[in-house]
Every structure is written in structure tokens, then in C-alpha cells.
Amino acid sequence: MKMNQVKKSWLLVVGLMLSSVSAFAEEAGHAASAAMGGDWAKAFAGALGIALAVIAASTAQGKIAVSYMDGVSRNPGAQKGMGTQLILSLVFVETLVLFTVAIIFVKM
């Protein structure tokens, strides 16, 4: 019963997402491609690059957090020293994503 409700909810979400595309469409369909200079492949590649960077970063941050929790659960006394390393490693991963976004926007 619950799985059926989950399927219905996902169908509703997907339906709403697909119907919003036509609601936000421009009157002249060629206006969007003219604004981008007609180079839709470049925009698609940029969006794909950002998406892959975010997916990789979120996976890495999850693994960093899991390793931190494992270490703290084994040795609670090392929590203070490990906390600094946790924050630094999360910042480094997030910085890579921001650099990726900046490079993609400069290239566009």
C-alpha cells in the first residue's frame, strides 16, 4: 500500500515538472537559441559539467563525513583534532566545485 502511494507521488512530481516546461515557454521558440548564439551544445556541456562536479563533490563529502563519524566513534577523545580536519576537507571539496562553476562560466 505504501509503495503504491510512493509511486503516485513520484508520478505527480514528474507530471508537475513536465507541465511547468510549457508554462514557462517563450512565445517565440527561437528567441532562446538566438540569445545563446545558437550554440546549445556549449550550454548543455556546461550544465553537464556542473552537474557532474556537484554529484562527485556530494559523494566525496558523504565519504568524508562517514570517515569522521567512524573515527570519532572509535576514539571520542580525538574529536577536537579531527573536527578541524573535517572542516578543512569539506572546504577543499566545496572549493573544487566552485572552481568548476567559475571555469564553466568563464568558458561560456
PDB file of N, CA and C in Angstrom:
ATOM      1  N   MET A   1       0.821  -1.186   0.000  1.00  0.00           N
ATOM      2  CA  MET A   1       0.000   0.000   0.000  1.00  0.00           C
ATOM      3  C   MET A   1       0.867   1.253   0.000  1.00  0.00           C
ATOM      4  N   LYS A   2       1.884   1.269   0.838  1.00  0.00           N
ATOM      5  CA  LYS A   2       2.741   2.444   0.934  1.00  0.00           C
ATOM      6  C   LYS A   2       3.543   2.639  -0.348  1.00  0.00           C
ATOM      7  N   MET A   3       3.989   1.552  -0.964  1.00  0.00           N
ATOM      8  CA  MET A   3       4.753   1.653  -2.195  1.00  0.00           C
ATOM      9  C   MET A   3       3.895   2.246  -3.309  1.00  0.00           C
ATOM     10  N   ASN A   4       2.623   1.913  -3.313  1.00  0.00           N
ATOM     11  CA  ASN A   4       1.715   2.463  -4.307  1.00  0.00           C
ATOM     12  C   ASN A   4       1.589   3.978  -4.136  1.00  0.00           C
ATOM     13  N   GLN A   5       1.568   4.444  -2.901  1.00  0.00           N
ATOM     14  CA  GLN A   5       1.494   5.882  -2.641  1.00  0.00           C
ATOM     15  C   GLN A   5       2.777   6.578  -3.081  1.00  0.00           C
ATOM     16  N   VAL A   6       3.912   5.925  -2.897  1.00  0.00           N
ATOM     17  CA  VAL A   6       5.185   6.500  -3.320  1.00  0.00           C
ATOM     18  C   VAL A   6       5.212   6.629  -4.839  1.00  0.00           C
ATOM     19  N   LYS A   7       4.745   5.617  -5.536  1.00  0.00           N
ATOM     20  CA  LYS A   7       4.710   5.668  -6.998  1.00  0.00           C
ATOM     21  C   LYS A   7       3.796   6.787  -7.482  1.00  0.00           C
ATOM     22  N   LYS A   8       2.659   6.936  -6.838  1.00  0.00           N
ATOM     23  CA  LYS A   8       1.736   8.004  -7.214  1.00  0.00           C
ATOM     24  C   LYS A   8       2.344   9.379  -6.948  1.00  0.00           C
ATOM     25  N   SER A   9       3.067   9.493  -5.848  1.00  0.00           N
ATOM     26  CA  SER A   9       3.702  10.773  -5.527  1.00  0.00           C
ATOM     27  C   SER A   9       4.762  11.125  -6.555  1.00  0.00           C
ATOM     28  N   TRP A  10       5.575  10.152  -6.932  1.00  0.00           N
ATOM     29  CA  TRP A  10       6.607  10.413  -7.940  1.00  0.00           C
ATOM     30  C   TRP A  10       5.981  10.751  -9.287  1.00  0.00           C
ATOM     31  N   LEU A  11       4.905  10.073  -9.633  1.00  0.00           N
ATOM     32  CA  LEU A  11       4.216  10.374 -10.887  1.00  0.00           C
ATOM     33  C   LEU A  11       3.672  11.795 -10.867  1.00  0.00           C
ATOM     34  N   LEU A  12       3.143  12.217  -9.741  1.00  0.00           N
ATOM     35  CA  LEU A  12       2.636  13.579  -9.604  1.00  0.00           C
ATOM     36  C   LEU A  12       3.765  14.597  -9.732  1.00  0.00           C
ATOM     37  N   VAL A  13       4.897  14.341  -9.087  1.00  0.00           N
ATOM     38  CA  VAL A  13       6.033  15.263  -9.146  1.00  0.00           C
ATOM     39  C   VAL A  13       6.560  15.373 -10.575  1.00  0.00           C
ATOM     40  N   VAL A  14       6.725  14.244 -11.244  1.00  0.00           N
ATOM     41  CA  VAL A  14       7.224  14.258 -12.620  1.00  0.00           C
ATOM     42  C   VAL A  14       6.232  14.959 -13.537  1.00  0.00           C
ATOM     43  N   GLY A  15       4.945  14.709 -13.344  1.00  0.00           N
ATOM     44  CA  GLY A  15       3.929  15.380 -14.146  1.00  0.00           C
ATOM     45  C   GLY A  15       3.941  16.883 -13.966  1.00  0.00           C
ATOM     46  N   LEU A  16       4.100  17.332 -12.732  1.00  0.00           N
ATOM     47  CA  LEU A  16       4.172  18.772 -12.483  1.00  0.00           C
ATOM     48  C   LEU A  16       5.418  19.388 -13.100  1.00  0.00           C
ATOM     49  N   MET A  17       6.527  18.669 -13.022  1.00  0.00           N
ATOM     50  CA  MET A  17       7.760  19.191 -13.616  1.00  0.00           C
ATOM     51  C   MET A  17       7.629  19.298 -15.135  1.00  0.00           C
ATOM     52  N   LEU A  18       7.027  18.311 -15.758  1.00  0.00           N
ATOM     53  CA  LEU A  18       6.877  18.344 -17.210  1.00  0.00           C
ATOM     54  C   LEU A  18       5.863  19.386 -17.652  1.00  0.00           C
ATOM     55  N   SER A  19       4.831  19.609 -16.871  1.00  0.00           N
ATOM     56  CA  SER A  19       3.839  20.609 -17.263  1.00  0.00           C
ATOM     57  C   SER A  19       4.360  22.026 -17.073  1.00  0.00           C
ATOM     58  N   SER A  20       5.305  22.228 -16.181  1.00  0.00           N
ATOM     59  CA  SER A  20       5.840  23.575 -15.989  1.00  0.00           C
ATOM     60  C   SER A  20       6.711  24.013 -17.160  1.00  0.00           C
ATOM     61  N   VAL A  21       7.213  23.071 -17.936  1.00  0.00           N
ATOM     62  CA  VAL A  21       8.032  23.424 -19.094  1.00  0.00           C
ATOM     63  C   VAL A  21       7.216  24.242 -20.085  1.00  0.00           C
ATOM     64  N   SER A  22       6.004  23.809 -20.365  1.00  0.00           N
ATOM     65  CA  SER A  22       5.183  24.555 -21.314  1.00  0.00           C
ATOM     66  C   SER A  22       4.675  25.857 -20.720  1.00  0.00           C
ATOM     67  N   ALA A  23       4.537  25.936 -19.422  1.00  0.00           N
ATOM     68  CA  ALA A  23       4.065  27.169 -18.795  1.00  0.00           C
ATOM     69  C   ALA A  23       5.105  28.273 -18.876  1.00  0.00           C
ATOM     70  N   PHE A  24       6.373  27.919 -18.850  1.00  0.00           N
ATOM     71  CA  PHE A  24       7.430  28.916 -18.895  1.00  0.00           C
ATOM     72  C   PHE A  24       8.033  29.070 -20.300  1.00  0.00           C
ATOM     73  N   ALA A  25       7.426  28.465 -21.279  1.00  0.00           N
ATOM     74  CA  ALA A  25       7.952  28.547 -22.640  1.00  0.00           C
ATOM     75  C   ALA A  25       7.767  29.961 -23.196  1.00  0.00           C
ATOM     76  N   GLU A  26       8.682  30.364 -24.061  1.00  0.00           N
ATOM     77  CA  GLU A  26       8.583  31.674 -24.687  1.00  0.00           C
ATOM     78  C   GLU A  26       7.651  31.601 -25.885  1.00  0.00           C
ATOM     79  N   GLU A  27       7.120  32.753 -26.256  1.00  0.00           N
ATOM     80  CA  GLU A  27       6.242  32.798 -27.423  1.00  0.00           C
ATOM     81  C   GLU A  27       7.018  32.430 -28.683  1.00  0.00           C
ATOM     82  N   ALA A  28       8.166  33.020 -28.831  1.00  0.00           N
ATOM     83  CA  ALA A  28       8.994  32.705 -29.990  1.00  0.00           C
ATOM     84  C   ALA A  28      10.048  31.703 -29.550  1.00  0.00           C
ATOM     85  N   GLY A  29       9.942  30.490 -30.013  1.00  0.00           N
ATOM     86  CA  GLY A  29      10.851  29.435 -29.578  1.00  0.00           C
ATOM     87  C   GLY A  29      12.288  29.677 -29.969  1.00  0.00           C
ATOM     88  N   HIS A  30      12.501  30.435 -31.019  1.00  0.00           N
ATOM     89  CA  HIS A  30      13.861  30.680 -31.461  1.00  0.00           C
ATOM     90  C   HIS A  30      14.537  31.789 -30.667  1.00  0.00           C
ATOM     91  N   ALA A  31      13.802  32.479 -29.800  1.00  0.00           N
ATOM     92  CA  ALA A  31      14.397  33.574 -29.031  1.00  0.00           C
ATOM     93  C   ALA A  31      15.460  33.056 -28.060  1.00  0.00           C
ATOM     94  N   ALA A  32      15.223  31.900 -27.467  1.00  0.00           N
ATOM     95  CA  ALA A  32      16.194  31.351 -26.517  1.00  0.00           C
ATOM     96  C   ALA A  32      17.478  30.943 -27.226  1.00  0.00           C
ATOM     97  N   SER A  33      17.337  30.323 -28.385  1.00  0.00           N
ATOM     98  CA  SER A  33      18.546  29.906 -29.100  1.00  0.00           C
ATOM     99  C   SER A  33      19.285  31.111 -29.669  1.00  0.00           C
ATOM    100  N   ALA A  34      18.556  32.166 -30.035  1.00  0.00           N
ATOM    101  CA  ALA A  34      19.210  33.372 -30.533  1.00  0.00           C
ATOM    102  C   ALA A  34      19.953  34.083 -29.408  1.00  0.00           C
ATOM    103  N   ALA A  35      19.394  34.043 -28.192  1.00  0.00           N
ATOM    104  CA  ALA A  35      20.050  34.678 -27.050  1.00  0.00           C
ATOM    105  C   ALA A  35      21.341  33.959 -26.691  1.00  0.00           C
ATOM    106  N   MET A  36      21.394  32.642 -26.904  1.00  0.00           N
ATOM    107  CA  MET A  36      22.601  31.874 -26.604  1.00  0.00           C
ATOM    108  C   MET A  36      23.553  31.852 -27.781  1.00  0.00           C
ATOM    109  N   GLY A  37      23.198  32.515 -28.843  1.00  0.00           N
ATOM    110  CA  GLY A  37      24.057  32.486 -30.011  1.00  0.00           C
ATOM    111  C   GLY A  37      23.884  31.217 -30.815  1.00  0.00           C
ATOM    112  N   GLY A  38      22.825  30.476 -30.549  1.00  0.00           N
ATOM    113  CA  GLY A  38      22.562  29.265 -31.294  1.00  0.00           C
ATOM    114  C   GLY A  38      23.446  28.096 -30.895  1.00  0.00           C
ATOM    115  N   ASP A  39      24.259  28.236 -29.900  1.00  0.00           N
ATOM    116  CA  ASP A  39      25.197  27.181 -29.511  1.00  0.00           C
ATOM    117  C   ASP A  39      24.660  26.462 -28.279  1.00  0.00           C
ATOM    118  N   TRP A  40      23.649  25.637 -28.492  1.00  0.00           N
ATOM    119  CA  TRP A  40      23.034  24.944 -27.368  1.00  0.00           C
ATOM    120  C   TRP A  40      23.941  23.852 -26.812  1.00  0.00           C
ATOM    121  N   ALA A  41      24.829  23.320 -27.627  1.00  0.00           N
ATOM    122  CA  ALA A  41      25.718  22.251 -27.161  1.00  0.00           C
ATOM    123  C   ALA A  41      26.671  22.765 -26.095  1.00  0.00           C
ATOM    124  N   LYS A  42      27.105  24.008 -26.259  1.00  0.00           N
ATOM    125  CA  LYS A  42      28.002  24.606 -25.273  1.00  0.00           C
ATOM    126  C   LYS A  42      27.294  24.773 -23.921  1.00  0.00           C
ATOM    127  N   ALA A  43      26.048  25.207 -23.970  1.00  0.00           N
ATOM    128  CA  ALA A  43      25.276  25.354 -22.733  1.00  0.00           C
ATOM    129  C   ALA A  43      24.996  23.999 -22.089  1.00  0.00           C
ATOM    130  N   PHE A  44      24.701  23.012 -22.905  1.00  0.00           N
ATOM    131  CA  PHE A  44      24.445  21.673 -22.382  1.00  0.00           C
ATOM    132  C   PHE A  44      25.694  21.092 -21.737  1.00  0.00           C
ATOM    133  N   ALA A  45      26.835  21.291 -22.369  1.00  0.00           N
ATOM    134  CA  ALA A  45      28.095  20.790 -21.813  1.00  0.00           C
ATOM    135  C   ALA A  45      28.417  21.475 -20.487  1.00  0.00           C
ATOM    136  N   GLY A  46      28.143  22.766 -20.405  1.00  0.00           N
ATOM    137  CA  GLY A  46      28.363  23.476 -19.145  1.00  0.00           C
ATOM    138  C   GLY A  46      27.469  22.965 -18.036  1.00  0.00           C
ATOM    139  N   ALA A  47      26.190  22.747 -18.368  1.00  0.00           N
ATOM    140  CA  ALA A  47      25.254  22.221 -17.367  1.00  0.00           C
ATOM    141  C   ALA A  47      25.648  20.819 -16.932  1.00  0.00           C
ATOM    142  N   LEU A  48      26.089  20.015 -17.878  1.00  0.00           N
ATOM    143  CA  LEU A  48      26.521  18.661 -17.546  1.00  0.00           C
ATOM    144  C   LEU A  48      27.773  18.682 -16.670  1.00  0.00           C
ATOM    145  N   GLY A  49      28.698  19.606 -16.977  1.00  0.00           N
ATOM    146  CA  GLY A  49      29.910  19.734 -16.160  1.00  0.00           C
ATOM    147  C   GLY A  49      29.605  20.133 -14.731  1.00  0.00           C
ATOM    148  N   ILE A  50      28.692  21.079 -14.570  1.00  0.00           N
ATOM    149  CA  ILE A  50      28.307  21.499 -13.218  1.00  0.00           C
ATOM    150  C   ILE A  50      27.630  20.349 -12.486  1.00  0.00           C
ATOM    151  N   ALA A  51      26.742  19.631 -13.175  1.00  0.00           N
ATOM    152  CA  ALA A  51      26.039  18.514 -12.539  1.00  0.00           C
ATOM    153  C   ALA A  51      27.011  17.428 -12.096  1.00  0.00           C
ATOM    154  N   LEU A  52      27.963  17.084 -12.947  1.00  0.00           N
ATOM    155  CA  LEU A  52      28.938  16.051 -12.575  1.00  0.00           C
ATOM    156  C   LEU A  52      29.823  16.507 -11.416  1.00  0.00           C
ATOM    157  N   ALA A  53      30.187  17.788 -11.403  1.00  0.00           N
ATOM    158  CA  ALA A  53      31.005  18.298 -10.303  1.00  0.00           C
ATOM    159  C   ALA A  53      30.242  18.237  -8.985  1.00  0.00           C
ATOM    160  N   VAL A  54      28.973  18.583  -9.016  1.00  0.00           N
ATOM    161  CA  VAL A  54      28.172  18.560  -7.790  1.00  0.00           C
ATOM    162  C   VAL A  54      27.946  17.129  -7.313  1.00  0.00           C
ATOM    163  N   ILE A  55      27.691  16.217  -8.237  1.00  0.00           N
ATOM    164  CA  ILE A  55      27.490  14.813  -7.844  1.00  0.00           C
ATOM    165  C   ILE A  55      28.761  14.241  -7.221  1.00  0.00           C
ATOM    166  N   ALA A  56      29.894  14.508  -7.845  1.00  0.00           N
ATOM    167  CA  ALA A  56      31.157  13.995  -7.314  1.00  0.00           C
ATOM    168  C   ALA A  56      31.476  14.615  -5.956  1.00  0.00           C
ATOM    169  N   ALA A  57      31.211  15.917  -5.811  1.00  0.00           N
ATOM    170  CA  ALA A  57      31.501  16.581  -4.542  1.00  0.00           C
ATOM    171  C   ALA A  57      30.595  16.084  -3.428  1.00  0.00           C
ATOM    172  N   SER A  58      29.325  15.882  -3.730  1.00  0.00           N
ATOM    173  CA  SER A  58      28.429  15.404  -2.673  1.00  0.00           C
ATOM    174  C   SER A  58      28.794  13.984  -2.244  1.00  0.00           C
ATOM    175  N   THR A  59      29.224  13.163  -3.195  1.00  0.00           N
ATOM    176  CA  THR A  59      29.682  11.814  -2.846  1.00  0.00           C
ATOM    177  C   THR A  59      30.936  11.884  -1.975  1.00  0.00           C
ATOM    178  N   ALA A  60      31.866  12.746  -2.352  1.00  0.00           N
ATOM    179  CA  ALA A  60      33.102  12.882  -1.573  1.00  0.00           C
ATOM    180  C   ALA A  60      32.822  13.418  -0.175  1.00  0.00           C
ATOM    181  N   GLN A  61      31.932  14.393  -0.073  1.00  0.00           N
ATOM    182  CA  GLN A  61      31.609  14.941   1.248  1.00  0.00           C
ATOM    183  C   GLN A  61      30.920  13.908   2.127  1.00  0.00           C
ATOM    184  N   GLY A  62      30.105  13.060   1.521  1.00  0.00           N
ATOM    185  CA  GLY A  62      29.482  11.980   2.283  1.00  0.00           C
ATOM    186  C   GLY A  62      30.508  10.999   2.820  1.00  0.00           C
ATOM    187  N   LYS A  63      31.481  10.655   1.985  1.00  0.00           N
ATOM    188  CA  LYS A  63      32.534   9.737   2.436  1.00  0.00           C
ATOM    189  C   LYS A  63      33.399  10.373   3.511  1.00  0.00           C
ATOM    190  N   ILE A  64      33.644  11.678   3.398  1.00  0.00           N
ATOM    191  CA  ILE A  64      34.425  12.384   4.425  1.00  0.00           C
ATOM    192  C   ILE A  64      33.681  12.348   5.755  1.00  0.00           C
ATOM    193  N   ALA A  65      32.374  12.607   5.709  1.00  0.00           N
ATOM    194  CA  ALA A  65      31.577  12.606   6.940  1.00  0.00           C
ATOM    195  C   ALA A  65      31.514  11.214   7.562  1.00  0.00           C
ATOM    196  N   VAL A  66      31.387  10.185   6.734  1.00  0.00           N
ATOM    197  CA  VAL A  66      31.357   8.809   7.251  1.00  0.00           C
ATOM    198  C   VAL A  66      32.674   8.462   7.925  1.00  0.00           C
ATOM    199  N   SER A  67      33.783   8.854   7.303  1.00  0.00           N
ATOM    200  CA  SER A  67      35.094   8.574   7.895  1.00  0.00           C
ATOM    201  C   SER A  67      35.269   9.311   9.217  1.00  0.00           C
ATOM    202  N   TYR A  68      34.778  10.540   9.271  1.00  0.00           N
ATOM    203  CA  TYR A  68      34.861  11.311  10.515  1.00  0.00           C
ATOM    204  C   TYR A  68      34.042  10.635  11.618  1.00  0.00           C
ATOM    205  N   MET A  69      32.837  10.213  11.283  1.00  0.00           N
ATOM    206  CA  MET A  69      31.994   9.562  12.294  1.00  0.00           C
ATOM    207  C   MET A  69      32.605   8.241  12.761  1.00  0.00           C
ATOM    208  N   ASP A  70      33.206   7.494  11.847  1.00  0.00           N
ATOM    209  CA  ASP A  70      33.881   6.254  12.237  1.00  0.00           C
ATOM    210  C   ASP A  70      35.034   6.545  13.193  1.00  0.00           C
ATOM    211  N   GLY A  71      35.824   7.551  12.870  1.00  0.00           N
ATOM    212  CA  GLY A  71      36.969   7.893  13.710  1.00  0.00           C
ATOM    213  C   GLY A  71      36.564   8.390  15.082  1.00  0.00           C
ATOM    214  N   VAL A  72      35.520   9.218  15.135  1.00  0.00           N
ATOM    215  CA  VAL A  72      35.067   9.749  16.423  1.00  0.00           C
ATOM    216  C   VAL A  72      34.420   8.657  17.265  1.00  0.00           C
ATOM    217  N   SER A  73      33.713   7.737  16.606  1.00  0.00           N
ATOM    218  CA  SER A  73      33.088   6.665  17.386  1.00  0.00           C
ATOM    219  C   SER A  73      34.140   5.712  17.964  1.00  0.00           C
ATOM    220  N   ARG A  74      35.260   5.560  17.293  1.00  0.00           N
ATOM    221  CA  ARG A  74      36.322   4.695  17.801  1.00  0.00           C
ATOM    222  C   ARG A  74      37.168   5.388  18.870  1.00  0.00           C
ATOM    223  N   ASN A  75      37.369   6.692  18.719  1.00  0.00           N
ATOM    224  CA  ASN A  75      38.202   7.431  19.655  1.00  0.00           C
ATOM    225  C   ASN A  75      37.564   8.800  19.927  1.00  0.00           C
ATOM    226  N   PRO A  76      36.639   8.885  20.877  1.00  0.00           N
ATOM    227  CA  PRO A  76      35.955  10.150  21.140  1.00  0.00           C
ATOM    228  C   PRO A  76      36.885  11.264  21.609  1.00  0.00           C
ATOM    229  N   GLY A  77      38.030  10.930  22.147  1.00  0.00           N
ATOM    230  CA  GLY A  77      38.966  11.942  22.613  1.00  0.00           C
ATOM    231  C   GLY A  77      39.618  12.722  21.485  1.00  0.00           C
ATOM    232  N   ALA A  78      39.626  12.173  20.305  1.00  0.00           N
ATOM    233  CA  ALA A  78      40.256  12.830  19.162  1.00  0.00           C
ATOM    234  C   ALA A  78      39.284  13.706  18.375  1.00  0.00           C
ATOM    235  N   GLN A  79      38.103  13.920  18.936  1.00  0.00           N
ATOM    236  CA  GLN A  79      37.071  14.660  18.216  1.00  0.00           C
ATOM    237  C   GLN A  79      37.499  16.093  17.885  1.00  0.00           C
ATOM    238  N   LYS A  80      38.170  16.748  18.826  1.00  0.00           N
ATOM    239  CA  LYS A  80      38.541  18.138  18.603  1.00  0.00           C
ATOM    240  C   LYS A  80      39.565  18.272  17.470  1.00  0.00           C
ATOM    241  N   GLY A  81      40.570  17.442  17.456  1.00  0.00           N
ATOM    242  CA  GLY A  81      41.580  17.495  16.408  1.00  0.00           C
ATOM    243  C   GLY A  81      41.036  17.052  15.060  1.00  0.00           C
ATOM    244  N   MET A  82      40.136  16.094  15.080  1.00  0.00           N
ATOM    245  CA  MET A  82      39.563  15.609  13.830  1.00  0.00           C
ATOM    246  C   MET A  82      38.529  16.580  13.276  1.00  0.00           C
ATOM    247  N   GLY A  83      37.911  17.362  14.132  1.00  0.00           N
ATOM    248  CA  GLY A  83      36.903  18.323  13.676  1.00  0.00           C
ATOM    249  C   GLY A  83      37.490  19.365  12.748  1.00  0.00           C
ATOM    250  N   THR A  84      38.698  19.823  13.076  1.00  0.00           N
ATOM    251  CA  THR A  84      39.373  20.802  12.226  1.00  0.00           C
ATOM    252  C   THR A  84      39.692  20.197  10.870  1.00  0.00           C
ATOM    253  N   GLN A  85      40.170  18.974  10.862  1.00  0.00           N
ATOM    254  CA  GLN A  85      40.469  18.306   9.600  1.00  0.00           C
ATOM    255  C   GLN A  85      39.201  18.054   8.786  1.00  0.00           C
ATOM    256  N   LEU A  86      38.094  17.770   9.480  1.00  0.00           N
ATOM    257  CA  LEU A  86      36.822  17.578   8.786  1.00  0.00           C
ATOM    258  C   LEU A  86      36.401  18.844   8.056  1.00  0.00           C
ATOM    259  N   ILE A  87      36.431  19.957   8.754  1.00  0.00           N
ATOM    260  CA  ILE A  87      36.015  21.223   8.157  1.00  0.00           C
ATOM    261  C   ILE A  87      36.928  21.585   6.981  1.00  0.00           C
ATOM    262  N   LEU A  88      38.236  21.419   7.157  1.00  0.00           N
ATOM    263  CA  LEU A  88      39.164  21.728   6.067  1.00  0.00           C
ATOM    264  C   LEU A  88      38.922  20.857   4.834  1.00  0.00           C
ATOM    265  N   SER A  89      38.702  19.586   5.037  1.00  0.00           N
ATOM    266  CA  SER A  89      38.487  18.701   3.893  1.00  0.00           C
ATOM    267  C   SER A  89      37.165  19.014   3.200  1.00  0.00           C
ATOM    268  N   LEU A  90      36.128  19.350   3.946  1.00  0.00           N
ATOM    269  CA  LEU A  90      34.863  19.740   3.327  1.00  0.00           C
ATOM    270  C   LEU A  90      35.004  21.043   2.549  1.00  0.00           C
ATOM    271  N   VAL A  91      35.778  21.969   3.085  1.00  0.00           N
ATOM    272  CA  VAL A  91      36.008  23.238   2.389  1.00  0.00           C
ATOM    273  C   VAL A  91      36.776  23.002   1.092  1.00  0.00           C
ATOM    274  N   PHE A  92      37.778  22.134   1.115  1.00  0.00           N
ATOM    275  CA  PHE A  92      38.549  21.863  -0.097  1.00  0.00           C
ATOM    276  C   PHE A  92      37.677  21.244  -1.185  1.00  0.00           C
ATOM    277  N   VAL A  93      36.813  20.320  -0.809  1.00  0.00           N
ATOM    278  CA  VAL A  93      35.927  19.692  -1.791  1.00  0.00           C
ATOM    279  C   VAL A  93      34.960  20.724  -2.366  1.00  0.00           C
ATOM    280  N   GLU A  94      34.391  21.561  -1.512  1.00  0.00           N
ATOM    281  CA  GLU A  94      33.450  22.575  -1.988  1.00  0.00           C
ATOM    282  C   GLU A  94      34.151  23.615  -2.860  1.00  0.00           C
ATOM    283  N   THR A  95      35.401  23.909  -2.559  1.00  0.00           N
ATOM    284  CA  THR A  95      36.156  24.856  -3.373  1.00  0.00           C
ATOM    285  C   THR A  95      36.358  24.321  -4.785  1.00  0.00           C
ATOM    286  N   LEU A  96      36.575  23.025  -4.920  1.00  0.00           N
ATOM    287  CA  LEU A  96      36.719  22.440  -6.252  1.00  0.00           C
ATOM    288  C   LEU A  96      35.446  22.619  -7.071  1.00  0.00           C
ATOM    289  N   VAL A  97      34.293  22.487  -6.430  1.00  0.00           N
ATOM    290  CA  VAL A  97      33.026  22.697  -7.136  1.00  0.00           C
ATOM    291  C   VAL A  97      32.898  24.153  -7.563  1.00  0.00           C
ATOM    292  N   LEU A  98      33.251  25.072  -6.676  1.00  0.00           N
ATOM    293  CA  LEU A  98      33.155  26.487  -7.024  1.00  0.00           C
ATOM    294  C   LEU A  98      34.116  26.852  -8.154  1.00  0.00           C
ATOM    295  N   PHE A  99      35.308  26.267  -8.150  1.00  0.00           N
ATOM    296  CA  PHE A  99      36.241  26.496  -9.251  1.00  0.00           C
ATOM    297  C   PHE A  99      35.674  25.956 -10.565  1.00  0.00           C
ATOM    298  N   THR A 100      35.045  24.797 -10.500  1.00  0.00           N
ATOM    299  CA  THR A 100      34.441  24.214 -11.708  1.00  0.00           C
ATOM    300  C   THR A 100      33.357  25.128 -12.260  1.00  0.00           C
ATOM    301  N   VAL A 101      32.510  25.629 -11.379  1.00  0.00           N
ATOM    302  CA  VAL A 101      31.438  26.535 -11.821  1.00  0.00           C
ATOM    303  C   VAL A 101      32.036  27.811 -12.412  1.00  0.00           C
ATOM    304  N   ALA A 102      33.049  28.366 -11.773  1.00  0.00           N
ATOM    305  CA  ALA A 102      33.678  29.589 -12.284  1.00  0.00           C
ATOM    306  C   ALA A 102      34.327  29.369 -13.640  1.00  0.00           C
ATOM    307  N   ILE A 103      35.000  28.244 -13.815  1.00  0.00           N
ATOM    308  CA  ILE A 103      35.655  27.956 -15.095  1.00  0.00           C
ATOM    309  C   ILE A 103      34.617  27.778 -16.195  1.00  0.00           C
ATOM    310  N   ILE A 104      33.527  27.098 -15.882  1.00  0.00           N
ATOM    311  CA  ILE A 104      32.485  26.885 -16.893  1.00  0.00           C
ATOM    312  C   ILE A 104      31.863  28.215 -17.307  1.00  0.00           C
ATOM    313  N   PHE A 105      31.594  29.096 -16.340  1.00  0.00           N
ATOM    314  CA  PHE A 105      31.011  30.388 -16.697  1.00  0.00           C
ATOM    315  C   PHE A 105      31.983  31.261 -17.476  1.00  0.00           C
ATOM    316  N   VAL A 106      33.274  31.163 -17.183  1.00  0.00           N
ATOM    317  CA  VAL A 106      34.252  31.928 -17.956  1.00  0.00           C
ATOM    318  C   VAL A 106      34.340  31.396 -19.387  1.00  0.00           C
ATOM    319  N   LYS A 107      34.270  30.088 -19.545  1.00  0.00           N
ATOM    320  CA  LYS A 107      34.351  29.487 -20.869  1.00  0.00           C
ATOM    321  C   LYS A 107      33.111  29.778 -21.719  1.00  0.00           C
ATOM    322  N   MET A 108      31.985  29.995 -21.078  1.00  0.00           N
ATOM    323  CA  MET A 108      30.760  30.282 -21.832  1.00  0.00           C
ATOM    324  C   MET A 108      30.835  31.694 -22.306  1.00  0.00           C
TER     325      MET A 108
END
